[in-house]
Protein backbone atom coordinates (compact mmCIF):
# COMPACT_ATOMS: atom_id res chain seq x y z
CA MET A 1 90.56 -14.21 106.18
CA SER A 2 92.35 -16.77 108.32
CA GLU A 3 95.38 -14.66 109.73
CA PRO A 4 94.94 -11.22 111.79
CA TRP A 5 96.65 -7.74 110.18
CA ARG A 6 100.15 -7.62 111.08
CA LYS A 7 102.40 -4.26 110.14
CA SER A 8 105.38 -4.13 108.05
CA SER A 9 108.72 -4.45 110.67
CA PHE A 10 109.71 -1.90 108.17
CA SER A 11 106.94 0.72 109.38
CA ALA A 12 108.20 2.90 112.11
CA GLY A 13 104.70 4.33 112.91
CA ALA A 14 105.31 7.62 111.19
CA GLY A 15 102.04 6.67 109.52
CA GLU A 16 103.42 5.43 106.43
CA CYS A 17 102.03 1.37 107.69
CA VAL A 18 101.33 -1.00 105.50
CA GLU A 19 99.55 -3.87 106.89
CA PHE A 20 99.61 -7.59 105.53
CA ALA A 21 97.28 -10.19 106.44
CA ARG A 22 97.03 -14.52 104.66
CA GLY A 23 93.64 -14.74 103.07
CA ALA A 24 91.71 -17.99 103.61
CA THR A 25 92.63 -19.41 100.49
CA GLY A 26 97.13 -18.77 101.06
CA GLU A 27 96.35 -15.01 98.90
CA VAL A 28 98.24 -12.29 100.52
CA LEU A 29 96.65 -9.74 101.03
CA ILE A 30 98.28 -6.00 101.60
CA ARG A 31 96.47 -2.80 102.99
CA ASP A 32 97.11 1.06 104.20
CA SER A 33 97.22 1.42 108.31
CA LYS A 34 95.36 4.56 107.93
CA ASN A 35 92.83 3.49 106.29
CA PRO A 36 91.87 -0.28 107.36
CA GLY A 37 88.60 -0.16 105.30
CA GLY A 38 90.01 0.95 101.79
CA PRO A 39 90.87 -0.79 99.50
CA LEU A 40 93.01 -3.79 99.39
CA LEU A 41 96.02 -5.53 97.10
CA THR A 42 95.61 -9.16 96.85
CA PHE A 43 98.90 -11.12 95.36
CA THR A 44 98.40 -15.19 94.58
CA PRO A 45 101.47 -16.61 96.54
CA GLY A 46 103.40 -17.16 93.10
CA GLU A 47 102.87 -13.47 92.55
CA TRP A 48 103.89 -12.47 96.19
CA ARG A 49 107.23 -15.43 95.81
CA ALA A 50 108.26 -13.06 92.73
CA PHE A 51 108.09 -9.90 94.36
CA LEU A 52 109.53 -11.02 97.23
CA ALA A 53 113.08 -12.41 95.32
CA GLY A 54 112.47 -9.19 93.20
CA VAL A 55 113.16 -6.99 96.24
CA ARG A 56 116.11 -9.38 97.72
CA ASN A 57 117.52 -8.79 94.49
CA SER A 58 117.37 -5.62 94.97
CA GLU A 59 115.47 -4.85 91.89
CA PHE A 60 113.01 -1.81 93.27
CA GLU A 61 115.83 -0.11 94.04
CA VAL A 62 116.15 3.66 92.78
């Protein structure tokens, strides 16, 4: 991993925190802060850009 883990700016400190880091080859890594040794979600830079575009376009509103 080439960058340290950082908490999401939307994490309210209520134990529901998401952390992210950039991998050595540019991938975006996501984990649950309560389980740092647990499973990771890994996204390519293109997948991450597409996800962020969807968030900005309110594609995931409930």
